[in-house]
């Protein structure tokens, strides 16, 4: 692991030279916004013990002085799981927030004075993810429903098997005050419902990628691991011209604008065993410009598969209404007839890369995991979110060679630890191998990071200092965003080279951390 001193310095540099604007949700009431800088005195940024109250917002006013508190909006109901921010054709900027049992639309054009414009109520299940799409002047949100906490679902609405509770839903949000249902898709192959989603255009057609983390229902006859990524085409022209809006009550059968065409799945035989399921994924068209690279112009899923690690799938040749209309029609019909059943819905995105070389914290020569020991709540092995950096980067100024590099960040989610908070990996996904014309990503570890002083922290039921089952996930990493900035001598805030890279890493109760990509690369994996 990288040394505390070097990476901590990198953090301070980022904080002191890059201002990021945030809208913070503190609780039911606003708290005193003055912050205490624990870092200047070299103290741990993680507060616990000594009478500290995790539920008291006023006990958490600390951070660095270059992140400015702007405003607080309590919304109409508490809870927030995921946010998309987009500029609308009307010129305003809106935040679309997944809020457990609803989706809020908030005007954040003036970040000091935010306004709730509309709410899409969905009391059936847990709304954990939203994605925004603008198409031909109309605006849509695609959101998932998953029944992961029956106690917080409407007790008067059906059972787990009710498709309304475990579907992907397409919502028209053009009228911010009246978001309305357009279409939905229920996948019988994944009855516990989707957990996360991602949208991406492939040859001018919108596709959605849906993580369906089934925990028990696996088809061993097919050899596929629990859950997988549903791949579906979005026919937004039909959504606009034919379906229209119907408040929150479906007036038409589902599946008229959302067409499943296949899946991405991991084979059991290609894993280490342990706890294996898809949690989340991102999608990127290869950013490199070398036309001799077999990945040039192709599109890949970067899937977070828990103890199956990072898995990369090639979706460039997905059944497509323009590129392969006959194949598209066949798979759409087969998937619809079987309601997504894998025996009938058979197109699979080929897997073209994987990485499971987790850190060996106990020094036994094997990556820590459930099957090799020292799982420690998944501190190094529960890969929860992975995201490729948006650009290939020149690291010649860092003394790392002249070839442009491609990096992917993979972070864990940690349930309960005896030590630590959870690792973030920086993976080098530049290299590849060729075998009989087929390429595979050749992935290596470039760097890793954990919150400073993490080795002094534990939490949850496994924490010997304070075994409390209610504090599961307490300081764990969750999701992240990455950003690339072109710079010059005046604006560069890192190591030079004409660019800066930032990773914005969210932790549950340990707040937001902004990391400098170049510092991570320079530090590498040195202890």
Protein backbone atom coordinates (compact mmCIF):
# COMPACT_ATOMS: atom_id res chain seq x y z
CA UNK A 1 0.00 0.00 0.00
CA UNK A 2 1.16 3.54 -0.71
CA UNK A 3 2.71 5.37 2.20
CA UNK A 4 0.50 7.61 4.27
CA UNK A 5 2.90 10.53 3.99
CA UNK A 6 3.15 10.64 0.20
CA UNK A 7 -0.51 10.14 -0.57
CA UNK A 8 -1.63 12.34 2.27
CA UNK A 9 0.47 15.11 0.74
CA UNK A 10 -1.18 14.41 -2.58
CA UNK A 11 -4.55 14.83 -0.97
CA UNK A 12 -3.60 18.13 0.59
CA UNK A 13 -2.30 19.42 -2.75
CA UNK A 14 -5.57 18.55 -4.44
CA UNK A 15 -7.66 20.09 -1.71
CA UNK A 16 -5.65 23.30 -1.71
CA UNK A 17 -5.64 23.83 -5.45
CA UNK A 18 -8.97 22.54 -6.72
CA UNK A 19 -12.31 23.86 -5.52
CA UNK A 20 -15.29 21.57 -5.89
CA UNK A 21 -18.85 22.73 -5.23
CA UNK A 22 -21.15 20.46 -3.31
CA UNK A 23 -24.70 20.41 -2.04
CA UNK A 24 -24.54 18.59 1.27
CA UNK A 25 -27.43 16.78 2.92
CA UNK A 26 -26.74 16.93 6.65
CA UNK A 27 -30.00 15.82 8.20
CA UNK A 28 -33.38 17.23 9.12
CA UNK A 29 -31.91 20.58 10.13
CA UNK A 30 -28.99 22.61 8.96
CA UNK A 31 -25.97 22.56 11.22
CA UNK A 32 -23.20 25.01 11.89
CA UNK A 33 -21.21 25.00 8.65
CA UNK A 34 -17.84 26.00 10.08
CA UNK A 35 -15.25 23.28 9.57
CA UNK A 36 -12.34 22.08 11.67
CA UNK A 37 -9.21 21.01 9.78
CA UNK A 38 -7.94 17.91 11.59
CA UNK A 39 -5.37 17.25 8.88
CA UNK A 40 -3.21 20.29 9.62
CA UNK A 41 -2.48 18.84 13.05
CA UNK A 42 -1.82 15.36 11.66
CA UNK A 43 -4.85 13.82 13.33
CA UNK A 44 -6.97 10.98 11.99
CA UNK A 45 -9.83 12.18 9.78
CA UNK A 46 -12.04 9.33 11.01
CA UNK A 47 -13.93 10.20 14.15
CA UNK A 48 -15.13 7.51 16.53
CA UNK A 49 -15.15 6.75 20.24
CA UNK A 50 -14.67 9.33 23.02
CA UNK A 51 -18.36 10.17 23.10
CA UNK A 52 -18.58 10.82 19.36
CA UNK A 53 -22.17 10.59 18.07
CA UNK A 54 -22.32 9.28 14.50
CA UNK A 55 -25.91 10.52 14.15
CA UNK A 56 -25.25 14.11 15.20
CA UNK A 57 -24.50 16.33 12.20
CA UNK A 58 -22.84 18.98 14.37
CA UNK A 59 -20.18 16.41 15.33
CA UNK A 60 -19.04 16.13 11.71
CA UNK A 61 -18.02 19.62 10.68
CA UNK A 62 -14.48 18.88 9.60
CA UNK A 63 -12.61 18.80 6.33
CA UNK A 64 -10.28 20.95 4.26
CA UNK A 65 -10.95 24.62 3.71
CA UNK A 66 -11.06 24.49 -0.10
CA UNK A 67 -14.35 22.57 -0.31
CA UNK A 68 -17.15 25.06 0.17
CA UNK A 69 -20.52 24.29 1.69
CA UNK A 70 -23.19 25.87 -0.52
CA UNK A 71 -26.68 24.94 0.59
CA UNK A 72 -28.94 22.30 2.04
CA UNK A 73 -32.25 21.02 0.73
CA UNK A 74 -34.20 18.52 2.87
CA UNK A 75 -36.24 17.38 -0.18
CA UNK A 76 -39.76 16.12 0.51
CA UNK A 77 -38.61 12.85 2.09
CA UNK A 78 -35.27 11.81 3.63
CA UNK A 79 -32.87 9.53 1.82
CA UNK A 80 -30.58 9.78 -1.20
CA UNK A 81 -28.74 6.98 -3.00
CA UNK A 82 -27.50 8.29 -6.35
CA UNK A 83 -27.49 11.61 -8.22
CA UNK A 84 -27.35 12.62 -11.88
CA UNK A 85 -26.79 16.29 -12.73
CA UNK A 86 -27.52 17.56 -16.24
CA UNK A 87 -28.16 20.79 -18.10
CA UNK A 88 -31.62 20.77 -19.65
CA UNK A 89 -32.56 22.14 -23.08
CA UNK A 90 -34.38 24.87 -21.11
CA UNK A 91 -30.95 26.15 -20.00
CA UNK A 92 -31.27 25.22 -16.34
CA UNK A 93 -29.27 22.61 -14.45
CA UNK A 94 -31.18 19.89 -12.63
CA UNK A 95 -30.27 17.19 -10.15
CA UNK A 96 -32.11 13.87 -10.41
CA UNK A 97 -31.83 12.07 -7.10
CA UNK A 98 -32.67 8.45 -6.35
CA UNK A 99 -34.21 8.62 -2.91
CA UNK A 100 -35.09 5.10 -1.80
CA UNK A 101 -38.82 5.27 -2.51
CA UNK A 102 -38.95 8.22 -4.87
CA UNK A 103 -36.96 10.28 -7.36
CA UNK A 104 -36.57 14.03 -6.78
CA UNK A 105 -35.95 16.62 -9.48
CA UNK A 106 -34.12 19.62 -8.03
CA UNK A 107 -33.22 22.84 -9.84
CA UNK A 108 -29.58 23.48 -8.89
CA UNK A 109 -28.90 26.23 -11.44
CA UNK A 110 -28.26 28.51 -8.49
CA UNK A 111 -26.46 26.15 -6.09
CA UNK A 112 -27.01 28.59 -3.24
CA UNK A 113 -30.79 28.45 -3.71
CA UNK A 114 -32.00 25.03 -4.84
CA UNK A 115 -35.64 24.20 -5.51
CA UNK A 116 -37.48 20.88 -5.65
CA UNK A 117 -39.32 20.95 -8.98
CA UNK A 118 -40.96 17.54 -8.99
CA UNK A 119 -41.13 14.11 -7.38
CA UNK A 120 -41.76 10.73 -8.96
CA UNK A 121 -43.16 8.53 -6.20
CA UNK A 122 -42.32 4.85 -6.30
CA UNK A 123 -43.26 3.37 -2.92
CA UNK A 124 -43.09 -0.25 -4.05
CA UNK A 125 -39.37 -0.79 -3.67
CA UNK A 126 -35.98 0.83 -3.23
CA UNK A 127 -34.92 3.33 -5.90
CA UNK A 128 -31.12 3.25 -5.78
CA UNK A 129 -29.95 4.46 -9.18
CA UNK A 130 -31.01 6.93 -11.87
CA UNK A 131 -29.55 7.82 -15.26
CA UNK A 132 -30.44 10.84 -17.41
CA UNK A 133 -30.88 10.82 -21.21
CA UNK A 134 -31.78 13.68 -23.55
CA UNK A 135 -33.13 12.60 -26.94
CA UNK A 136 -34.55 14.83 -29.65
CA UNK A 137 -35.43 17.57 -27.19
CA UNK A 138 -37.17 15.23 -24.74
CA UNK A 139 -35.67 14.23 -21.41
CA UNK A 140 -35.83 10.85 -19.70
CA UNK A 141 -34.72 9.19 -16.51
CA UNK A 142 -34.15 5.46 -16.42
CA UNK A 143 -34.32 4.10 -12.87
CA UNK A 144 -34.28 0.72 -11.20
CA UNK A 145 -36.47 -0.85 -8.52
CA UNK A 146 -35.13 -3.49 -6.17
CA UNK A 147 -36.75 -5.04 -3.14
CA UNK A 148 -33.75 -5.31 -0.84
CA UNK A 149 -35.53 -4.15 2.30
CA UNK A 150 -39.14 -5.41 2.50
CA UNK A 151 -39.61 -3.50 5.74
CA UNK A 152 -39.29 -0.23 3.82
CA UNK A 153 -41.55 -1.24 0.94
CA UNK A 154 -45.26 -0.53 0.78
CA UNK A 155 -46.87 -3.49 2.61
CA UNK A 156 -49.98 -3.18 0.45
CA UNK A 157 -48.19 -3.73 -2.84
CA UNK A 158 -47.76 -7.35 -3.89
CA UNK A 159 -44.94 -9.75 -3.22
CA UNK A 160 -41.35 -10.14 -4.34
CA UNK A 161 -42.64 -11.80 -7.50
CA UNK A 162 -44.64 -8.69 -8.46
CA UNK A 163 -42.87 -7.33 -11.57
CA UNK A 164 -43.76 -3.75 -10.60
CA UNK A 165 -41.41 -4.04 -7.65
CA UNK A 166 -38.35 -5.31 -9.45
CA UNK A 167 -38.28 -3.54 -12.83
CA UNK A 168 -36.34 -0.96 -14.78
CA UNK A 169 -38.57 2.06 -15.40
CA UNK A 170 -38.36 4.73 -18.11
CA UNK A 171 -39.69 8.13 -16.96
CA UNK A 172 -40.29 11.27 -19.02
CA UNK A 173 -38.92 14.26 -17.08
CA UNK A 174 -39.31 16.92 -19.76
CA UNK A 175 -41.94 18.57 -17.58
CA UNK A 176 -40.02 18.85 -14.34
CA UNK A 177 -43.18 19.35 -12.30
CA UNK A 178 -44.86 16.26 -13.74
CA UNK A 179 -42.49 13.32 -14.27
CA UNK A 180 -44.44 10.45 -15.79
CA UNK A 181 -44.17 6.74 -16.55
CA UNK A 182 -43.36 5.72 -20.13
CA UNK A 183 -42.29 2.07 -20.07
CA UNK A 184 -40.67 -0.64 -17.95
CA UNK A 185 -38.91 -3.97 -18.28
CA UNK A 186 -39.15 -6.91 -15.88
CA UNK A 187 -36.47 -9.58 -16.14
CA UNK A 188 -37.64 -13.02 -15.00
CA UNK A 189 -34.01 -14.15 -14.96
CA UNK A 190 -33.31 -11.81 -12.03
CA UNK A 191 -36.31 -11.89 -9.67
CA UNK A 192 -34.73 -9.85 -6.86
CA UNK A 193 -34.57 -6.88 -9.18
CA UNK A 194 -31.88 -4.62 -10.65
CA UNK A 195 -29.45 -2.80 -8.38
CA UNK A 196 -27.62 -0.38 -10.69
CA UNK A 197 -27.70 0.77 -14.29
CA UNK A 198 -25.69 2.56 -16.92
CA UNK A 199 -26.56 4.12 -20.29
CA UNK A 200 -24.36 4.35 -23.36
CA UNK A 201 -24.78 4.98 -27.06
CA UNK A 202 -23.53 2.34 -29.50
CA UNK A 203 -23.59 3.50 -33.13
CA UNK A 204 -26.20 6.18 -32.41
CA UNK A 205 -28.58 3.90 -30.51
CA UNK A 206 -29.12 4.10 -26.74
CA UNK A 207 -28.55 0.97 -24.68
CA UNK A 208 -28.99 0.36 -20.97
CA UNK A 209 -26.85 -1.99 -18.93
CA UNK A 210 -28.51 -3.29 -15.79
CA UNK A 211 -26.74 -4.99 -12.87
CA UNK A 212 -28.91 -7.77 -11.50
CA UNK A 213 -27.18 -9.15 -8.37
CA UNK A 214 -29.09 -12.34 -7.61
CA UNK A 215 -27.66 -13.98 -4.53
CA UNK A 216 -29.15 -17.48 -4.65
CA UNK A 217 -30.96 -18.24 -7.90
CA UNK A 218 -28.24 -19.37 -10.29
CA UNK A 219 -28.58 -21.58 -13.34
CA UNK A 220 -25.86 -24.14 -12.71
CA UNK A 221 -26.74 -25.94 -15.93
CA UNK A 222 -25.55 -22.91 -17.88
CA UNK A 223 -22.46 -22.54 -15.71
CA UNK A 224 -23.15 -18.86 -15.13
CA UNK A 225 -22.56 -17.11 -11.83
CA UNK A 226 -25.35 -15.54 -9.80
CA UNK A 227 -26.86 -12.54 -11.54
CA UNK A 228 -25.40 -10.69 -14.46
CA UNK A 229 -25.70 -7.63 -16.67
CA UNK A 230 -28.91 -7.27 -18.66
CA UNK A 231 -28.32 -5.47 -21.97
CA UNK A 232 -31.33 -3.73 -23.50
CA UNK A 233 -31.96 -1.34 -26.38
CA UNK A 234 -33.93 1.86 -25.73
CA UNK A 235 -36.25 2.83 -28.57
CA UNK A 236 -36.70 6.45 -27.54
CA UNK A 237 -38.33 7.43 -30.84
CA UNK A 238 -41.20 5.09 -30.01
CA UNK A 239 -41.24 6.42 -26.47
CA UNK A 240 -41.72 9.94 -27.84
CA UNK A 241 -44.09 9.35 -30.75
CA UNK A 242 -46.22 6.45 -29.53
CA UNK A 243 -46.17 5.88 -25.79
CA UNK A 244 -46.21 9.34 -24.26
CA UNK A 245 -46.85 9.79 -20.54
CA UNK A 246 -49.21 8.01 -18.16
CA UNK A 247 -48.50 9.54 -14.74
CA UNK A 248 -47.11 6.72 -12.58
CA UNK A 249 -49.70 4.13 -13.63
CA UNK A 250 -48.84 2.02 -16.69
CA UNK A 251 -51.54 2.31 -19.36
CA UNK A 252 -49.72 0.11 -21.87
CA UNK A 253 -48.02 -3.30 -21.56
CA UNK A 254 -44.35 -3.10 -20.54
CA UNK A 255 -41.54 -3.64 -22.99
CA UNK A 256 -42.69 -1.35 -25.81
CA UNK A 257 -39.61 0.90 -25.71
CA UNK A 258 -37.16 -1.23 -23.68
CA UNK A 259 -36.00 -4.34 -25.52
CA UNK A 260 -33.66 -6.81 -23.87
CA UNK A 261 -31.22 -8.28 -26.38
CA UNK A 262 -28.83 -10.28 -24.20
CA UNK A 263 -26.57 -10.40 -21.17
CA UNK A 264 -23.01 -10.30 -19.91
CA UNK A 265 -22.28 -13.17 -17.52
CA UNK A 266 -19.29 -14.59 -15.66
CA UNK A 267 -18.60 -18.32 -15.84
CA UNK A 268 -18.05 -20.00 -12.45
CA UNK A 269 -14.95 -21.76 -13.74
CA UNK A 270 -13.22 -18.42 -14.35
CA UNK A 271 -13.47 -17.23 -10.73
CA UNK A 272 -11.78 -17.96 -7.41
CA UNK A 273 -15.10 -18.82 -5.81
CA UNK A 274 -16.35 -16.96 -2.78
CA UNK A 275 -19.02 -14.27 -2.87
CA UNK A 276 -19.68 -13.66 -6.56
CA UNK A 277 -22.30 -11.41 -8.11
CA UNK A 278 -22.49 -8.32 -10.26
CA UNK A 279 -22.96 -5.15 -8.27
CA UNK A 280 -22.41 -2.31 -10.72
CA UNK A 281 -20.87 -1.51 -14.08
CA UNK A 282 -19.73 1.37 -16.24
CA UNK A 283 -19.42 1.41 -20.04
CA UNK A 284 -16.82 3.14 -22.19
CA UNK A 285 -15.92 3.25 -25.86
CA UNK A 286 -12.15 2.76 -26.00
CA UNK A 287 -10.59 6.27 -25.83
CA UNK A 288 -7.38 5.37 -27.64
CA UNK A 289 -6.62 6.64 -31.15
CA UNK A 290 -4.22 3.88 -32.25
CA UNK A 291 -6.06 2.13 -35.08
CA UNK A 292 -3.70 -0.85 -34.82
CA UNK A 293 -5.01 -1.57 -31.32
CA UNK A 294 -7.75 -4.24 -31.68
CA UNK A 295 -9.81 -2.34 -29.10
CA UNK A 296 -9.94 0.80 -31.25
CA UNK A 297 -13.54 2.03 -31.56
CA UNK A 298 -14.95 -0.85 -29.52
CA UNK A 299 -17.18 -0.54 -26.46
CA UNK A 300 -16.65 -2.34 -23.16
CA UNK A 301 -18.49 -3.02 -19.92
CA UNK A 302 -16.33 -2.66 -16.80
CA UNK A 303 -18.20 -4.82 -14.31
CA UNK A 304 -17.72 -4.91 -10.53
CA UNK A 305 -18.21 -8.56 -9.63
CA UNK A 306 -17.39 -8.60 -5.91
CA UNK A 307 -14.91 -11.47 -5.32
CA UNK A 308 -14.80 -12.19 -9.03
CA UNK A 309 -13.11 -8.79 -9.24
CA UNK A 310 -13.14 -6.55 -12.29
CA UNK A 311 -14.64 -8.16 -15.41
CA UNK A 312 -14.51 -6.56 -18.86
CA UNK A 313 -17.00 -7.50 -21.60
CA UNK A 314 -17.03 -6.47 -25.26
CA UNK A 315 -20.47 -5.15 -26.31
CA UNK A 316 -19.41 -3.67 -29.66
CA UNK A 317 -21.31 -6.33 -31.62
CA UNK A 318 -24.50 -6.19 -29.56
CA UNK A 319 -27.69 -6.94 -31.56
CA UNK A 320 -28.40 -3.56 -33.16
CA UNK A 321 -31.49 -2.31 -35.02
CA UNK A 322 -29.38 -0.69 -37.75
CA UNK A 323 -26.17 -2.72 -37.89
CA UNK A 324 -27.71 -6.19 -37.55
CA UNK A 325 -31.51 -5.90 -37.95
CA UNK A 326 -32.18 -9.62 -38.45
CA UNK A 327 -30.10 -10.63 -35.43
CA UNK A 328 -31.69 -7.81 -33.43
CA UNK A 329 -35.24 -8.90 -34.29
CA UNK A 330 -34.46 -12.52 -33.42
CA UNK A 331 -32.98 -11.77 -30.00
CA UNK A 332 -35.61 -9.18 -29.08
CA UNK A 333 -38.36 -11.71 -29.87
CA UNK A 334 -36.63 -14.53 -28.00
CA UNK A 335 -35.90 -12.40 -24.94
CA UNK A 336 -39.43 -11.03 -24.83
CA UNK A 337 -41.01 -14.47 -25.22
CA UNK A 338 -38.99 -15.79 -22.29
CA UNK A 339 -39.28 -12.59 -20.21
CA UNK A 340 -35.49 -12.50 -20.15
CA UNK A 341 -35.04 -16.18 -19.27
CA UNK A 342 -31.42 -17.18 -20.08
CA UNK A 343 -32.50 -20.36 -21.85
CA UNK A 344 -34.23 -18.26 -24.50
CA UNK A 345 -32.35 -14.96 -24.25
CA UNK A 346 -29.00 -16.31 -25.43
CA UNK A 347 -26.82 -13.49 -26.78
CA UNK A 348 -23.79 -13.06 -24.54
CA UNK A 349 -21.18 -10.33 -24.57
CA UNK A 350 -17.76 -12.04 -24.66
CA UNK A 351 -15.54 -11.53 -21.64
CA UNK A 352 -12.24 -9.97 -22.71
CA UNK A 353 -10.53 -9.19 -19.42
CA UNK A 354 -10.54 -9.86 -15.69
CA UNK A 355 -8.57 -8.97 -12.57
CA UNK A 356 -8.77 -10.68 -9.16
CA UNK A 357 -5.24 -10.14 -7.80
CA UNK A 358 -6.35 -8.54 -4.54
CA UNK A 359 -3.84 -7.38 -1.93
CA UNK A 360 -2.24 -9.99 0.32
CA UNK A 361 -2.55 -8.28 3.70
CA UNK A 362 -1.77 -11.37 5.80
CA UNK A 363 1.36 -12.27 3.81
CA UNK A 364 0.38 -15.86 3.04
CA UNK A 365 1.18 -15.52 -0.65
CA UNK A 366 -2.45 -15.44 -1.78
CA UNK A 367 -4.88 -12.59 -2.43
CA UNK A 368 -7.10 -12.08 0.62
CA UNK A 369 -10.66 -13.35 0.07
CA UNK A 370 -13.21 -15.74 1.49
CA UNK A 371 -11.62 -18.72 -0.20
CA UNK A 372 -8.01 -17.89 0.74
CA UNK A 373 -8.43 -16.34 4.18
CA UNK A 374 -8.30 -12.94 5.87
CA UNK A 375 -11.43 -11.71 4.09
CA UNK A 376 -11.82 -9.02 6.80
CA UNK A 377 -15.25 -7.90 5.64
CA UNK A 378 -14.05 -7.59 2.05
CA UNK A 379 -11.46 -4.91 2.83
CA UNK A 380 -9.51 -5.80 -0.31
CA UNK A 381 -11.77 -8.22 -2.22
CA UNK A 382 -15.39 -7.01 -2.43
CA UNK A 383 -15.10 -5.05 -5.68
CA UNK A 384 -18.14 -2.77 -5.60
CA UNK A 385 -17.55 -0.07 -8.22
CA UNK A 386 -15.15 0.23 -11.17
CA UNK A 387 -14.74 3.10 -13.61
CA UNK A 388 -12.31 3.58 -16.50
CA UNK A 389 -10.58 6.94 -16.56
CA UNK A 390 -12.18 9.06 -19.32
CA UNK A 391 -8.97 9.61 -21.32
CA UNK A 392 -5.73 7.88 -22.19
CA UNK A 393 -3.00 9.82 -20.39
CA UNK A 394 0.61 10.72 -21.16
CA UNK A 395 2.75 9.86 -18.12
CA UNK A 396 6.16 10.45 -19.69
CA UNK A 397 6.69 13.43 -17.35
CA UNK A 398 6.33 11.00 -14.44
CA UNK A 399 9.18 8.84 -15.70
CA UNK A 400 6.84 5.96 -16.53
CA UNK A 401 7.47 5.58 -20.26
CA UNK A 402 6.28 7.30 -23.42
CA UNK A 403 3.22 5.17 -24.23
CA UNK A 404 -0.22 6.58 -23.47
CA UNK A 405 -1.80 4.66 -20.60
CA UNK A 406 -5.37 3.64 -19.79
CA UNK A 407 -6.36 3.34 -16.13
CA UNK A 408 -9.38 1.89 -14.37
CA UNK A 409 -10.29 2.55 -10.76
CA UNK A 410 -11.87 -0.24 -8.70
CA UNK A 411 -13.08 0.31 -5.14
CA UNK A 412 -14.42 -2.16 -2.61
CA UNK A 413 -17.43 -2.02 -0.31
CA UNK A 414 -16.65 -3.24 3.20
CA UNK A 415 -19.29 -4.61 5.51
CA UNK A 416 -17.42 -4.96 8.81
CA UNK A 417 -13.71 -4.99 9.60
CA UNK A 418 -11.20 -6.01 12.22
CA UNK A 419 -8.87 -3.42 10.69
CA UNK A 420 -9.11 -0.85 7.91
CA UNK A 421 -11.79 0.99 5.96
CA UNK A 422 -11.53 -0.43 2.43
CA UNK A 423 -9.12 -0.30 -0.48
CA UNK A 424 -9.28 1.64 -3.73
CA UNK A 425 -7.26 0.10 -6.57
CA UNK A 426 -5.81 1.92 -9.57
CA UNK A 427 -5.42 -0.64 -12.36
CA UNK A 428 -3.41 -0.26 -15.55
CA UNK A 429 -5.70 -1.53 -18.32
CA UNK A 430 -3.50 -0.46 -21.23
CA UNK A 431 -1.91 -3.71 -22.31
CA UNK A 432 -3.47 -6.64 -24.12
CA UNK A 433 -2.58 -10.03 -25.51
CA UNK A 434 -3.56 -11.63 -28.82
CA UNK A 435 -4.33 -15.31 -29.28
CA UNK A 436 -5.49 -16.52 -32.68
CA UNK A 437 -6.94 -13.10 -33.44
CA UNK A 438 -8.74 -12.75 -30.10
CA UNK A 439 -7.58 -10.07 -27.67
CA UNK A 440 -7.63 -10.04 -23.88
CA UNK A 441 -6.90 -7.12 -21.58
CA UNK A 442 -3.69 -7.69 -19.64
CA UNK A 443 -4.41 -5.90 -16.35
CA UNK A 444 -1.90 -4.97 -13.66
CA UNK A 445 -2.03 -3.12 -10.35
CA UNK A 446 -0.67 0.42 -10.66
CA UNK A 447 -1.44 1.75 -7.18
CA UNK A 448 -3.74 1.39 -4.18
CA UNK A 449 -5.09 3.74 -1.55
CA UNK A 450 -6.94 3.72 1.74
CA UNK A 451 -7.99 6.59 4.00
CA UNK A 452 -5.02 7.82 6.08
CA UNK A 453 -4.86 6.16 9.51
CA UNK A 454 -7.20 3.41 8.28
CA UNK A 455 -5.06 0.77 9.97
CA UNK A 456 -6.11 2.28 13.30
CA UNK A 457 -9.83 1.89 12.53
CA UNK A 458 -12.36 -0.93 12.62
CA UNK A 459 -16.15 -0.97 12.58
CA UNK A 460 -19.21 -3.19 12.59
CA UNK A 461 -19.78 -6.48 14.37
CA UNK A 462 -16.19 -7.64 13.75
CA UNK A 463 -14.59 -4.59 15.38
CA UNK A 464 -12.98 -5.63 18.67
CA UNK A 465 -12.86 -2.01 19.88
CA UNK A 466 -16.59 -1.49 19.48
CA UNK A 467 -18.50 -4.50 18.11
CA UNK A 468 -21.73 -2.94 16.85
CA UNK A 469 -23.70 -4.69 14.12
CA UNK A 470 -25.63 -1.50 13.36
CA UNK A 471 -22.41 0.13 12.17
CA UNK A 472 -21.94 -2.12 9.14
CA UNK A 473 -20.58 -0.22 6.08
CA UNK A 474 -19.78 2.68 8.43
CA UNK A 475 -16.52 3.96 6.88
CA UNK A 476 -16.55 1.93 3.67
CA UNK A 477 -15.90 3.35 0.22
CA UNK A 478 -19.00 3.44 -1.97
CA UNK A 479 -18.93 5.03 -5.45
CA UNK A 480 -16.62 7.45 -7.23
CA UNK A 481 -16.33 9.78 -10.21
CA UNK A 482 -13.21 10.50 -12.22
CA UNK A 483 -12.39 13.62 -14.20
CA UNK A 484 -9.73 14.74 -16.69
CA UNK A 485 -8.61 18.37 -17.01
CA UNK A 486 -6.34 19.84 -19.66
CA UNK A 487 -3.88 22.25 -18.05
CA UNK A 488 -1.01 24.60 -18.79
CA UNK A 489 1.87 25.92 -16.67
CA UNK A 490 -0.44 28.36 -14.89
CA UNK A 491 -3.37 26.03 -14.22
CA UNK A 492 -1.67 22.70 -13.56
CA UNK A 493 -2.16 21.69 -9.93
CA UNK A 494 -0.24 18.42 -9.86
CA UNK A 495 2.93 17.14 -11.56
CA UNK A 496 2.74 19.04 -14.86
CA UNK A 497 2.41 17.25 -18.16
CA UNK A 498 -0.50 19.26 -19.53
CA UNK A 499 -3.25 17.45 -17.66
CA UNK A 500 -4.64 16.81 -14.20
CA UNK A 501 -6.71 13.84 -13.09
CA UNK A 502 -9.06 13.68 -10.12
CA UNK A 503 -10.88 10.85 -8.41
CA UNK A 504 -13.84 11.92 -6.26
CA UNK A 505 -14.35 9.02 -3.87
CA UNK A 506 -17.39 8.81 -1.61
CA UNK A 507 -17.28 6.92 1.67
CA UNK A 508 -20.38 6.31 3.72
CA UNK A 509 -19.61 7.98 7.03
CA UNK A 510 -16.05 9.02 6.20
CA UNK A 511 -17.14 11.66 3.71
CA UNK A 512 -15.76 12.67 0.33
CA UNK A 513 -12.10 12.28 -0.63
CA UNK A 514 -10.50 13.91 -3.67
CA UNK A 515 -7.44 12.04 -4.97
CA UNK A 516 -4.83 13.16 -7.46
CA UNK A 517 -4.32 10.56 -10.19
CA UNK A 518 -0.74 11.53 -10.98
CA UNK A 519 0.27 11.20 -7.33
CA UNK A 520 -1.25 7.72 -7.21
CA UNK A 521 0.69 6.74 -10.34
CA UNK A 522 3.97 8.12 -8.99
CA UNK A 523 3.50 6.44 -5.61
CA UNK A 524 2.60 3.09 -7.14
CA UNK A 525 2.39 0.17 -4.72
CA UNK A 526 5.42 1.08 -2.63
CA UNK A 527 4.97 0.58 1.09
